[in-house]
Amino acid sequence: MSKKLYVGNLPFSVTQEQLKDLFAPLGEVTEVTLIVDKATGRSRGFGFVTITDDEVALKAISEMNGKDIEGRQITVSEARPMGERSERRPFRPRGGGGGGRGRRREFDDF
């Protein structure tokens, strides 16, 4: 069974192919997804790597977590399902405007 890994704190210069090459020596990599900003097309500094074997994936986590890539220590862990993301950090609406100007004056108030 395959396991999807989260890879964070990547340098913005890392490409999808470089990310695959980084994990390829550890085992068979079936899928690599580098998350990019939709507006700019620039990397957002994290991505996902799917490795075919669970044992190899655990080995990849222990060997790659904290590894220095272009001056940045990457974070590697087992990816969580999307549903857990909202439970971890619930949406909180921000406070609104405030600071009203007081009563609106009409022309006949003068």
PDB file of N, CA and C in Angstrom:
ATOM      1  N   MET A   1       0.847  -1.181   0.000  1.00  0.00           N
ATOM      2  CA  MET A   1       0.000   0.000   0.000  1.00  0.00           C
ATOM      3  C   MET A   1       0.896   1.250   0.000  1.00  0.00           C
ATOM      4  N   SER A   2       0.502   2.255  -0.747  1.00  0.00           N
ATOM      5  CA  SER A   2       1.317   3.470  -0.833  1.00  0.00           C
ATOM      6  C   SER A   2       0.986   4.441   0.289  1.00  0.00           C
ATOM      7  N   LYS A   3       1.932   5.324   0.540  1.00  0.00           N
ATOM      8  CA  LYS A   3       1.763   6.319   1.602  1.00  0.00           C
ATOM      9  C   LYS A   3       2.152   7.678   1.050  1.00  0.00           C
ATOM     10  N   LYS A   4       1.309   8.689   1.338  1.00  0.00           N
ATOM     11  CA  LYS A   4       1.572  10.056   0.880  1.00  0.00           C
ATOM     12  C   LYS A   4       2.271  10.816   1.995  1.00  0.00           C
ATOM     13  N   LEU A   5       3.365  11.492   1.615  1.00  0.00           N
ATOM     14  CA  LEU A   5       4.145  12.266   2.573  1.00  0.00           C
ATOM     15  C   LEU A   5       4.010  13.754   2.284  1.00  0.00           C
ATOM     16  N   TYR A   6       3.957  14.533   3.349  1.00  0.00           N
ATOM     17  CA  TYR A   6       3.979  15.990   3.253  1.00  0.00           C
ATOM     18  C   TYR A   6       5.433  16.429   3.345  1.00  0.00           C
ATOM     19  N   VAL A   7       5.850  17.307   2.440  1.00  0.00           N
ATOM     20  CA  VAL A   7       7.212  17.841   2.463  1.00  0.00           C
ATOM     21  C   VAL A   7       7.100  19.358   2.529  1.00  0.00           C
ATOM     22  N   GLY A   8       7.526  19.946   3.643  1.00  0.00           N
ATOM     23  CA  GLY A   8       7.379  21.381   3.845  1.00  0.00           C
ATOM     24  C   GLY A   8       8.699  22.094   4.009  1.00  0.00           C
ATOM     25  N   ASN A   9       8.636  23.412   4.022  1.00  0.00           N
ATOM     26  CA  ASN A   9       9.788  24.303   4.161  1.00  0.00           C
ATOM     27  C   ASN A   9      10.786  24.115   3.018  1.00  0.00           C
ATOM     28  N   LEU A  10      10.250  23.822   1.842  1.00  0.00           N
ATOM     29  CA  LEU A  10      11.104  23.663   0.661  1.00  0.00           C
ATOM     30  C   LEU A  10      11.556  25.024   0.150  1.00  0.00           C
ATOM     31  N   PRO A  11      12.755  25.105  -0.396  1.00  0.00           N
ATOM     32  CA  PRO A  11      13.161  26.353  -1.060  1.00  0.00           C
ATOM     33  C   PRO A  11      12.231  26.610  -2.245  1.00  0.00           C
ATOM     34  N   PHE A  12      11.932  27.865  -2.523  1.00  0.00           N
ATOM     35  CA  PHE A  12      11.004  28.210  -3.595  1.00  0.00           C
ATOM     36  C   PHE A  12      11.557  27.849  -4.969  1.00  0.00           C
ATOM     37  N   SER A  13      12.862  27.607  -5.042  1.00  0.00           N
ATOM     38  CA  SER A  13      13.490  27.276  -6.324  1.00  0.00           C
ATOM     39  C   SER A  13      13.367  25.800  -6.686  1.00  0.00           C
ATOM     40  N   VAL A  14      12.953  24.948  -5.751  1.00  0.00           N
ATOM     41  CA  VAL A  14      12.860  23.509  -6.007  1.00  0.00           C
ATOM     42  C   VAL A  14      11.719  23.228  -6.987  1.00  0.00           C
ATOM     43  N   THR A  15      12.022  22.381  -7.983  1.00  0.00           N
ATOM     44  CA  THR A  15      11.010  21.989  -8.974  1.00  0.00           C
ATOM     45  C   THR A  15      10.424  20.628  -8.600  1.00  0.00           C
ATOM     46  N   GLN A  16       9.359  20.255  -9.286  1.00  0.00           N
ATOM     47  CA  GLN A  16       8.724  18.971  -9.048  1.00  0.00           C
ATOM     48  C   GLN A  16       9.697  17.823  -9.355  1.00  0.00           C
ATOM     49  N   GLU A  17      10.455  17.966 -10.417  1.00  0.00           N
ATOM     50  CA  GLU A  17      11.427  16.939 -10.806  1.00  0.00           C
ATOM     51  C   GLU A  17      12.530  16.811  -9.750  1.00  0.00           C
ATOM     52  N   GLN A  18      13.002  17.932  -9.207  1.00  0.00           N
ATOM     53  CA  GLN A  18      14.028  17.886  -8.158  1.00  0.00           C
ATOM     54  C   GLN A  18      13.497  17.220  -6.896  1.00  0.00           C
ATOM     55  N   LEU A  19      12.221  17.472  -6.592  1.00  0.00           N
ATOM     56  CA  LEU A  19      11.601  16.858  -5.423  1.00  0.00           C
ATOM     57  C   LEU A  19      11.524  15.344  -5.603  1.00  0.00           C
ATOM     58  N   LYS A  20      11.172  14.905  -6.803  1.00  0.00           N
ATOM     59  CA  LYS A  20      11.127  13.470  -7.088  1.00  0.00           C
ATOM     60  C   LYS A  20      12.523  12.861  -6.970  1.00  0.00           C
ATOM     61  N   ASP A  21      13.534  13.535  -7.537  1.00  0.00           N
ATOM     62  CA  ASP A  21      14.913  13.046  -7.468  1.00  0.00           C
ATOM     63  C   ASP A  21      15.437  12.966  -6.039  1.00  0.00           C
ATOM     64  N   LEU A  22      14.928  13.823  -5.171  1.00  0.00           N
ATOM     65  CA  LEU A  22      15.343  13.837  -3.772  1.00  0.00           C
ATOM     66  C   LEU A  22      14.905  12.566  -3.045  1.00  0.00           C
ATOM     67  N   PHE A  23      13.700  12.065  -3.377  1.00  0.00           N
ATOM     68  CA  PHE A  23      13.148  10.898  -2.695  1.00  0.00           C
ATOM     69  C   PHE A  23      13.367   9.594  -3.455  1.00  0.00           C
ATOM     70  N   ALA A  24      13.709   9.645  -4.729  1.00  0.00           N
ATOM     71  CA  ALA A  24      13.870   8.442  -5.563  1.00  0.00           C
ATOM     72  C   ALA A  24      14.892   7.439  -5.016  1.00  0.00           C
ATOM     73  N   PRO A  25      16.038   7.861  -4.460  1.00  0.00           N
ATOM     74  CA  PRO A  25      16.997   6.865  -3.955  1.00  0.00           C
ATOM     75  C   PRO A  25      16.471   6.031  -2.785  1.00  0.00           C
ATOM     76  N   LEU A  26      15.435   6.512  -2.111  1.00  0.00           N
ATOM     77  CA  LEU A  26      14.902   5.805  -0.943  1.00  0.00           C
ATOM     78  C   LEU A  26      13.907   4.717  -1.319  1.00  0.00           C
ATOM     79  N   GLY A  27      13.255   4.848  -2.458  1.00  0.00           N
ATOM     80  CA  GLY A  27      12.251   3.873  -2.879  1.00  0.00           C
ATOM     81  C   GLY A  27      11.485   4.383  -4.080  1.00  0.00           C
ATOM     82  N   GLU A  28      10.527   3.568  -4.534  1.00  0.00           N
ATOM     83  CA  GLU A  28       9.752   3.928  -5.724  1.00  0.00           C
ATOM     84  C   GLU A  28       8.770   5.058  -5.412  1.00  0.00           C
ATOM     85  N   VAL A  29       8.923   6.153  -6.122  1.00  0.00           N
ATOM     86  CA  VAL A  29       8.045   7.314  -5.972  1.00  0.00           C
ATOM     87  C   VAL A  29       7.009   7.248  -7.091  1.00  0.00           C
ATOM     88  N   THR A  30       5.732   7.186  -6.714  1.00  0.00           N
ATOM     89  CA  THR A  30       4.684   7.067  -7.732  1.00  0.00           C
ATOM     90  C   THR A  30       4.084   8.407  -8.138  1.00  0.00           C
ATOM     91  N   GLU A  31       4.116   9.368  -7.239  1.00  0.00           N
ATOM     92  CA  GLU A  31       3.504  10.670  -7.549  1.00  0.00           C
ATOM     93  C   GLU A  31       4.207  11.772  -6.769  1.00  0.00           C
ATOM     94  N   VAL A  32       4.385  12.910  -7.416  1.00  0.00           N
ATOM     95  CA  VAL A  32       4.960  14.089  -6.774  1.00  0.00           C
ATOM     96  C   VAL A  32       4.095  15.282  -7.140  1.00  0.00           C
ATOM     97  N   THR A  33       3.702  16.054  -6.137  1.00  0.00           N
ATOM     98  CA  THR A  33       2.916  17.260  -6.370  1.00  0.00           C
ATOM     99  C   THR A  33       3.559  18.412  -5.623  1.00  0.00           C
ATOM    100  N   LEU A  34       4.011  19.407  -6.358  1.00  0.00           N
ATOM    101  CA  LEU A  34       4.559  20.619  -5.760  1.00  0.00           C
ATOM    102  C   LEU A  34       3.460  21.669  -5.817  1.00  0.00           C
ATOM    103  N   ILE A  35       3.115  22.242  -4.701  1.00  0.00           N
ATOM    104  CA  ILE A  35       2.019  23.213  -4.644  1.00  0.00           C
ATOM    105  C   ILE A  35       2.543  24.572  -5.096  1.00  0.00           C
ATOM    106  N   VAL A  36       1.849  25.172  -6.072  1.00  0.00           N
ATOM    107  CA  VAL A  36       2.256  26.465  -6.618  1.00  0.00           C
ATOM    108  C   VAL A  36       1.133  27.478  -6.461  1.00  0.00           C
ATOM    109  N   ASP A  37       1.510  28.735  -6.357  1.00  0.00           N
ATOM    110  CA  ASP A  37       0.563  29.827  -6.267  1.00  0.00           C
ATOM    111  C   ASP A  37      -0.133  29.984  -7.613  1.00  0.00           C
ATOM    112  N   LYS A  38      -1.460  30.047  -7.612  1.00  0.00           N
ATOM    113  CA  LYS A  38      -2.211  30.134  -8.863  1.00  0.00           C
ATOM    114  C   LYS A  38      -1.954  31.431  -9.608  1.00  0.00           C
ATOM    115  N   ALA A  39      -1.788  32.499  -8.890  1.00  0.00           N
ATOM    116  CA  ALA A  39      -1.614  33.810  -9.532  1.00  0.00           C
ATOM    117  C   ALA A  39      -0.224  33.983 -10.127  1.00  0.00           C
ATOM    118  N   THR A  40       0.809  33.570  -9.397  1.00  0.00           N
ATOM    119  CA  THR A  40       2.180  33.821  -9.841  1.00  0.00           C
ATOM    120  C   THR A  40       2.855  32.608 -10.471  1.00  0.00           C
ATOM    121  N   GLY A  41       2.358  31.393 -10.185  1.00  0.00           N
ATOM    122  CA  GLY A  41       2.994  30.185 -10.679  1.00  0.00           C
ATOM    123  C   GLY A  41       4.237  29.807  -9.899  1.00  0.00           C
ATOM    124  N   ARG A  42       4.529  30.540  -8.837  1.00  0.00           N
ATOM    125  CA  ARG A  42       5.710  30.297  -8.001  1.00  0.00           C
ATOM    126  C   ARG A  42       5.378  29.250  -6.931  1.00  0.00           C
ATOM    127  N   SER A  43       6.373  28.448  -6.578  1.00  0.00           N
ATOM    128  CA  SER A  43       6.202  27.424  -5.555  1.00  0.00           C
ATOM    129  C   SER A  43       5.771  28.073  -4.240  1.00  0.00           C
ATOM    130  N   ARG A  44       4.919  27.367  -3.498  1.00  0.00           N
ATOM    131  CA  ARG A  44       4.498  27.860  -2.183  1.00  0.00           C
ATOM    132  C   ARG A  44       5.350  27.276  -1.061  1.00  0.00           C
ATOM    133  N   GLY A  45       6.353  26.459  -1.433  1.00  0.00           N
ATOM    134  CA  GLY A  45       7.291  25.962  -0.431  1.00  0.00           C
ATOM    135  C   GLY A  45       6.909  24.641   0.200  1.00  0.00           C
ATOM    136  N   PHE A  46       5.906  23.947  -0.366  1.00  0.00           N
ATOM    137  CA  PHE A  46       5.580  22.619   0.140  1.00  0.00           C
ATOM    138  C   PHE A  46       4.982  21.769  -0.965  1.00  0.00           C
ATOM    139  N   GLY A  47       4.962  20.474  -0.710  1.00  0.00           N
ATOM    140  CA  GLY A  47       4.419  19.561  -1.694  1.00  0.00           C
ATOM    141  C   GLY A  47       4.163  18.198  -1.078  1.00  0.00           C
ATOM    142  N   PHE A  48       3.828  17.233  -1.937  1.00  0.00           N
ATOM    143  CA  PHE A  48       3.491  15.887  -1.488  1.00  0.00           C
ATOM    144  C   PHE A  48       4.216  14.869  -2.356  1.00  0.00           C
ATOM    145  N   VAL A  49       4.685  13.809  -1.714  1.00  0.00           N
ATOM    146  CA  VAL A  49       5.377  12.721  -2.402  1.00  0.00           C
ATOM    147  C   VAL A  49       4.688  11.428  -1.991  1.00  0.00           C
ATOM    148  N   THR A  50       4.304  10.609  -2.969  1.00  0.00           N
ATOM    149  CA  THR A  50       3.689   9.317  -2.684  1.00  0.00           C
ATOM    150  C   THR A  50       4.711   8.220  -2.951  1.00  0.00           C
ATOM    151  N   ILE A  51       4.923   7.388  -1.931  1.00  0.00           N
ATOM    152  CA  ILE A  51       5.883   6.287  -2.013  1.00  0.00           C
ATOM    153  C   ILE A  51       5.099   4.978  -1.905  1.00  0.00           C
ATOM    154  N   THR A  52       5.480   3.979  -2.717  1.00  0.00           N
ATOM    155  CA  THR A  52       4.696   2.748  -2.836  1.00  0.00           C
ATOM    156  C   THR A  52       4.655   1.898  -1.571  1.00  0.00           C
ATOM    157  N   ASP A  53       5.737   1.803  -0.845  1.00  0.00           N
ATOM    158  CA  ASP A  53       5.828   0.896   0.300  1.00  0.00           C
ATOM    159  C   ASP A  53       5.782   1.679   1.614  1.00  0.00           C
ATOM    160  N   ASP A  54       4.962   1.208   2.554  1.00  0.00           N
ATOM    161  CA  ASP A  54       4.826   1.885   3.854  1.00  0.00           C
ATOM    162  C   ASP A  54       6.144   1.922   4.627  1.00  0.00           C
ATOM    163  N   GLU A  55       6.884   0.829   4.616  1.00  0.00           N
ATOM    164  CA  GLU A  55       8.152   0.786   5.352  1.00  0.00           C
ATOM    165  C   GLU A  55       9.161   1.765   4.762  1.00  0.00           C
ATOM    166  N   VAL A  56       9.195   1.845   3.449  1.00  0.00           N
ATOM    167  CA  VAL A  56      10.096   2.786   2.785  1.00  0.00           C
ATOM    168  C   VAL A  56       9.676   4.225   3.103  1.00  0.00           C
ATOM    169  N   ALA A  57       8.369   4.455   3.169  1.00  0.00           N
ATOM    170  CA  ALA A  57       7.870   5.793   3.493  1.00  0.00           C
ATOM    171  C   ALA A  57       8.287   6.201   4.905  1.00  0.00           C
ATOM    172  N   LEU A  58       8.194   5.284   5.854  1.00  0.00           N
ATOM    173  CA  LEU A  58       8.623   5.587   7.228  1.00  0.00           C
ATOM    174  C   LEU A  58      10.125   5.853   7.285  1.00  0.00           C
ATOM    175  N   LYS A  59      10.881   5.105   6.489  1.00  0.00           N
ATOM    176  CA  LYS A  59      12.322   5.322   6.414  1.00  0.00           C
ATOM    177  C   LYS A  59      12.616   6.696   5.814  1.00  0.00           C
ATOM    178  N   ALA A  60      11.849   7.071   4.791  1.00  0.00           N
ATOM    179  CA  ALA A  60      12.018   8.383   4.149  1.00  0.00           C
ATOM    180  C   ALA A  60      11.729   9.506   5.139  1.00  0.00           C
ATOM    181  N   ILE A  61      10.710   9.341   5.958  1.00  0.00           N
ATOM    182  CA  ILE A  61      10.383  10.362   6.962  1.00  0.00           C
ATOM    183  C   ILE A  61      11.556  10.531   7.925  1.00  0.00           C
ATOM    184  N   SER A  62      12.084   9.413   8.434  1.00  0.00           N
ATOM    185  CA  SER A  62      13.165   9.511   9.420  1.00  0.00           C
ATOM    186  C   SER A  62      14.452  10.058   8.803  1.00  0.00           C
ATOM    187  N   GLU A  63      14.745   9.703   7.552  1.00  0.00           N
ATOM    188  CA  GLU A  63      15.985  10.167   6.929  1.00  0.00           C
ATOM    189  C   GLU A  63      15.901  11.585   6.379  1.00  0.00           C
ATOM    190  N   MET A  64      14.745  11.981   5.880  1.00  0.00           N
ATOM    191  CA  MET A  64      14.633  13.265   5.190  1.00  0.00           C
ATOM    192  C   MET A  64      14.169  14.413   6.097  1.00  0.00           C
ATOM    193  N   ASN A  65      13.462  14.111   7.162  1.00  0.00           N
ATOM    194  CA  ASN A  65      12.970  15.170   8.045  1.00  0.00           C
ATOM    195  C   ASN A  65      14.149  15.901   8.686  1.00  0.00           C
ATOM    196  N   GLY A  66      14.215  17.200   8.476  1.00  0.00           N
ATOM    197  CA  GLY A  66      15.305  18.004   9.022  1.00  0.00           C
ATOM    198  C   GLY A  66      16.505  18.122   8.104  1.00  0.00           C
ATOM    199  N   LYS A  67      16.462  17.478   6.944  1.00  0.00           N
ATOM    200  CA  LYS A  67      17.580  17.531   5.999  1.00  0.00           C
ATOM    201  C   LYS A  67      17.706  18.934   5.417  1.00  0.00           C
ATOM    202  N   ASP A  68      18.946  19.380   5.234  1.00  0.00           N
ATOM    203  CA  ASP A  68      19.212  20.713   4.700  1.00  0.00           C
ATOM    204  C   ASP A  68      19.172  20.684   3.173  1.00  0.00           C
ATOM    205  N   ILE A  69      18.283  21.475   2.592  1.00  0.00           N
ATOM    206  CA  ILE A  69      18.168  21.617   1.142  1.00  0.00           C
ATOM    207  C   ILE A  69      18.299  23.105   0.828  1.00  0.00           C
ATOM    208  N   GLU A  70      19.375  23.476   0.181  1.00  0.00           N
ATOM    209  CA  GLU A  70      19.639  24.867  -0.193  1.00  0.00           C
ATOM    210  C   GLU A  70      19.498  25.825   0.989  1.00  0.00           C
ATOM    211  N   GLY A  71      20.005  25.409   2.139  1.00  0.00           N
ATOM    212  CA  GLY A  71      20.007  26.266   3.321  1.00  0.00           C
ATOM    213  C   GLY A  71      18.726  26.234   4.145  1.00  0.00           C
ATOM    214  N   ARG A  72      17.778  25.366   3.793  1.00  0.00           N
ATOM    215  CA  ARG A  72      16.531  25.254   4.549  1.00  0.00           C
ATOM    216  C   ARG A  72      16.363  23.823   5.034  1.00  0.00           C
ATOM    217  N   GLN A  73      15.942  23.676   6.285  1.00  0.00           N
ATOM    218  CA  GLN A  73      15.681  22.343   6.828  1.00  0.00           C
ATOM    219  C   GLN A  73      14.255  21.958   6.477  1.00  0.00           C
ATOM    220  N   ILE A  74      14.113  20.920   5.643  1.00  0.00           N
ATOM    221  CA  ILE A  74      12.775  20.523   5.214  1.00  0.00           C
ATOM    222  C   ILE A  74      12.065  19.734   6.306  1.00  0.00           C
ATOM    223  N   THR A  75      10.760  19.731   6.242  1.00  0.00           N
ATOM    224  CA  THR A  75       9.910  18.986   7.152  1.00  0.00           C
ATOM    225  C   THR A  75       9.249  17.874   6.357  1.00  0.00           C
ATOM    226  N   VAL A  76       9.362  16.644   6.835  1.00  0.00           N
ATOM    227  CA  VAL A  76       8.729  15.513   6.157  1.00  0.00           C
ATOM    228  C   VAL A  76       7.910  14.750   7.187  1.00  0.00           C
ATOM    229  N   SER A  77       6.636  14.536   6.866  1.00  0.00           N
ATOM    230  CA  SER A  77       5.748  13.785   7.749  1.00  0.00           C
ATOM    231  C   SER A  77       4.676  13.113   6.906  1.00  0.00           C
ATOM    232  N   GLU A  78       3.914  12.242   7.535  1.00  0.00           N
ATOM    233  CA  GLU A  78       2.813  11.603   6.821  1.00  0.00           C
ATOM    234  C   GLU A  78       1.737  12.652   6.555  1.00  0.00           C
ATOM    235  N   ALA A  79       1.256  12.679   5.328  1.00  0.00           N
ATOM    236  CA  ALA A  79       0.233  13.669   4.954  1.00  0.00           C
ATOM    237  C   ALA A  79      -1.081  13.335   5.649  1.00  0.00           C
ATOM    238  N   ARG A  80      -1.799  14.369   6.032  1.00  0.00           N
ATOM    239  CA  ARG A  80      -3.107  14.208   6.664  1.00  0.00           C
ATOM    240  C   ARG A  80      -4.201  14.426   5.630  1.00  0.00           C
ATOM    241  N   PRO A  81      -5.337  13.783   5.806  1.00  0.00           N
ATOM    242  CA  PRO A  81      -6.454  14.035   4.882  1.00  0.00           C
ATOM    243  C   PRO A  81      -6.919  15.488   4.984  1.00  0.00           C
ATOM    244  N   MET A  82      -7.478  16.004   3.908  1.00  0.00           N
ATOM    245  CA  MET A  82      -7.933  17.400   3.873  1.00  0.00           C
ATOM    246  C   MET A  82      -8.918  17.721   4.986  1.00  0.00           C
ATOM    247  N   GLY A  83      -9.763  16.790   5.381  1.00  0.00           N
ATOM    248  CA  GLY A  83     -10.765  17.037   6.401  1.00  0.00           C
ATOM    249  C   GLY A  83     -10.185  17.444   7.731  1.00  0.00           C
ATOM    250  N   GLU A  84      -9.025  16.916   8.086  1.00  0.00           N
ATOM    251  CA  GLU A  84      -8.408  17.237   9.368  1.00  0.00           C
ATOM    252  C   GLU A  84      -7.892  18.662   9.418  1.00  0.00           C
ATOM    253  N   ARG A  85      -7.620  19.237   8.261  1.00  0.00           N
ATOM    254  CA  ARG A  85      -7.068  20.584   8.230  1.00  0.00           C
ATOM    255  C   ARG A  85      -8.024  21.582   8.865  1.00  0.00           C
ATOM    256  N   SER A  86      -9.315  21.493   8.552  1.00  0.00           N
ATOM    257  CA  SER A  86     -10.270  22.451   9.108  1.00  0.00           C
ATOM    258  C   SER A  86     -10.501  22.210  10.596  1.00  0.00           C
ATOM    259  N   GLU A  87     -10.366  20.970  11.055  1.00  0.00           N
ATOM    260  CA  GLU A  87     -10.521  20.690  12.478  1.00  0.00           C
ATOM    261  C   GLU A  87      -9.359  21.257  13.272  1.00  0.00           C
ATOM    262  N   ARG A  88      -8.192  21.268  12.645  1.00  0.00           N
ATOM    263  CA  ARG A  88      -6.997  21.756  13.311  1.00  0.00           C
ATOM    264  C   ARG A  88      -7.045  23.262  13.509  1.00  0.00           C
ATOM    265  N   ARG A  89      -7.551  23.970  12.506  1.00  0.00           N
ATOM    266  CA  ARG A  89      -7.528  25.421  12.530  1.00  0.00           C
ATOM    267  C   ARG A  89      -8.863  25.940  12.000  1.00  0.00           C
ATOM    268  N   PRO A  90      -9.849  26.056  12.880  1.00  0.00           N
ATOM    269  CA  PRO A  90     -11.179  26.451  12.407  1.00  0.00           C
ATOM    270  C   PRO A  90     -11.190  27.878  11.870  1.00  0.00           C
ATOM    271  N   PHE A  91     -12.110  28.095  10.940  1.00  0.00           N
ATOM    272  CA  PHE A  91     -12.280  29.426  10.381  1.00  0.00           C
ATOM    273  C   PHE A  91     -12.881  30.331  11.443  1.00  0.00           C
ATOM    274  N   ARG A  92     -12.280  31.496  11.614  1.00  0.00           N
ATOM    275  CA  ARG A  92     -12.801  32.487  12.552  1.00  0.00           C
ATOM    276  C   ARG A  92     -12.986  33.795  11.817  1.00  0.00           C
ATOM    277  N   PRO A  93     -14.223  34.249  11.714  1.00  0.00           N
ATOM    278  CA  PRO A  93     -14.427  35.514  11.014  1.00  0.00           C
ATOM    279  C   PRO A  93     -13.764  36.668  11.760  1.00  0.00           C
ATOM    280  N   ARG A  94     -13.228  37.578  11.022  1.00  0.00           N
ATOM    281  CA  ARG A  94     -12.577  38.753  11.613  1.00  0.00           C
ATOM    282  C   ARG A  94     -13.638  39.759  12.046  1.00  0.00           C
ATOM    283  N   GLY A  95     -13.279  40.602  13.013  1.00  0.00           N
ATOM    284  CA  GLY A  95     -14.187  41.654  13.471  1.00  0.00           C
ATOM    285  C   GLY A  95     -14.438  42.648  12.351  1.00  0.00           C
ATOM    286  N   GLY A  96     -15.592  43.224  12.343  1.00  0.00           N
ATOM    287  CA  GLY A  96     -15.948  44.125  11.249  1.00  0.00           C
ATOM    288  C   GLY A  96     -15.717  45.574  11.603  1.00  0.00           C
ATOM    289  N   GLY A  97     -15.848  46.412  10.649  1.00  0.00           N
ATOM    290  CA  GLY A  97     -15.702  47.856  10.645  1.00  0.00           C
ATOM    291  C   GLY A  97     -15.638  48.576  11.961  1.00  0.00           C
ATOM    292  N   GLY A  98     -16.734  48.890  12.563  1.00  0.00           N
ATOM    293  CA  GLY A  98     -16.736  49.654  13.802  1.00  0.00           C
ATOM    294  C   GLY A  98     -16.351  51.101  13.571  1.00  0.00           C
ATOM    295  N   GLY A  99     -16.357  51.879  14.612  1.00  0.00           N
ATOM    296  CA  GLY A  99     -15.939  53.272  14.500  1.00  0.00           C
ATOM    297  C   GLY A  99     -16.891  54.114  13.674  1.00  0.00           C
ATOM    298  N   GLY A 100     -18.178  54.015  13.978  1.00  0.00           N
ATOM    299  CA  GLY A 100     -19.167  54.775  13.210  1.00  0.00           C
ATOM    300  C   GLY A 100     -19.012  56.271  13.395  1.00  0.00           C
ATOM    301  N   ARG A 101     -19.608  57.028  12.523  1.00  0.00           N
ATOM    302  CA  ARG A 101     -19.481  58.488  12.577  1.00  0.00           C
ATOM    303  C   ARG A 101     -20.560  59.147  13.425  1.00  0.00           C
ATOM    304  N   GLY A 102     -21.390  58.379  14.004  1.00  0.00           N
ATOM    305  CA  GLY A 102     -22.448  58.976  14.813  1.00  0.00           C
ATOM    306  C   GLY A 102     -23.711  59.186  13.999  1.00  0.00           C
ATOM    307  N   ARG A 103     -24.581  60.069  14.497  1.00  0.00           N
ATOM    308  CA  ARG A 103     -25.880  60.303  13.891  1.00  0.00           C
ATOM    309  C   ARG A 103     -25.739  61.066  12.585  1.00  0.00           C
ATOM    310  N   ARG A 104     -26.524  60.671  11.597  1.00  0.00           N
ATOM    311  CA  ARG A 104     -26.503  61.346  10.315  1.00  0.00           C
ATOM    312  C   ARG A 104     -27.314  62.630  10.417  1.00  0.00           C
ATOM    313  N   ARG A 105     -26.743  63.718   9.972  1.00  0.00           N
ATOM    314  CA  ARG A 105     -27.441  65.004  10.042  1.00  0.00           C
ATOM    315  C   ARG A 105     -28.320  65.211   8.828  1.00  0.00           C
ATOM    316  N   GLU A 106     -29.443  65.770   9.079  1.00  0.00           N
ATOM    317  CA  GLU A 106     -30.358  66.135   8.001  1.00  0.00           C
ATOM    318  C   GLU A 106     -30.273  67.645   7.829  1.00  0.00           C
ATOM    319  N   PHE A 107     -30.697  68.144   6.691  1.00  0.00           N
ATOM    320  CA  PHE A 107     -30.603  69.582   6.414  1.00  0.00           C
ATOM    321  C   PHE A 107     -31.448  70.419   7.375  1.00  0.00           C
ATOM    322  N   ASP A 108     -32.543  69.886   7.850  1.00  0.00           N
ATOM    323  CA  ASP A 108     -33.403  70.692   8.724  1.00  0.00           C
ATOM    324  C   ASP A 108     -32.930  70.650  10.177  1.00  0.00           C
ATOM    325  N   ASP A 109     -31.762  70.007  10.491  1.00  0.00           N
ATOM    326  CA  ASP A 109     -31.221  70.007  11.849  1.00  0.00           C
ATOM    327  C   ASP A 109     -30.527  71.343  12.174  1.00  0.00           C
ATOM    328  N   PHE A 110     -30.255  72.155  11.179  1.00  0.00           N
ATOM    329  CA  PHE A 110     -29.496  73.383  11.424  1.00  0.00           C
ATOM    330  C   PHE A 110     -30.364  74.472  11.909  1.00  0.00           C
TER     331      PHE A 110
END
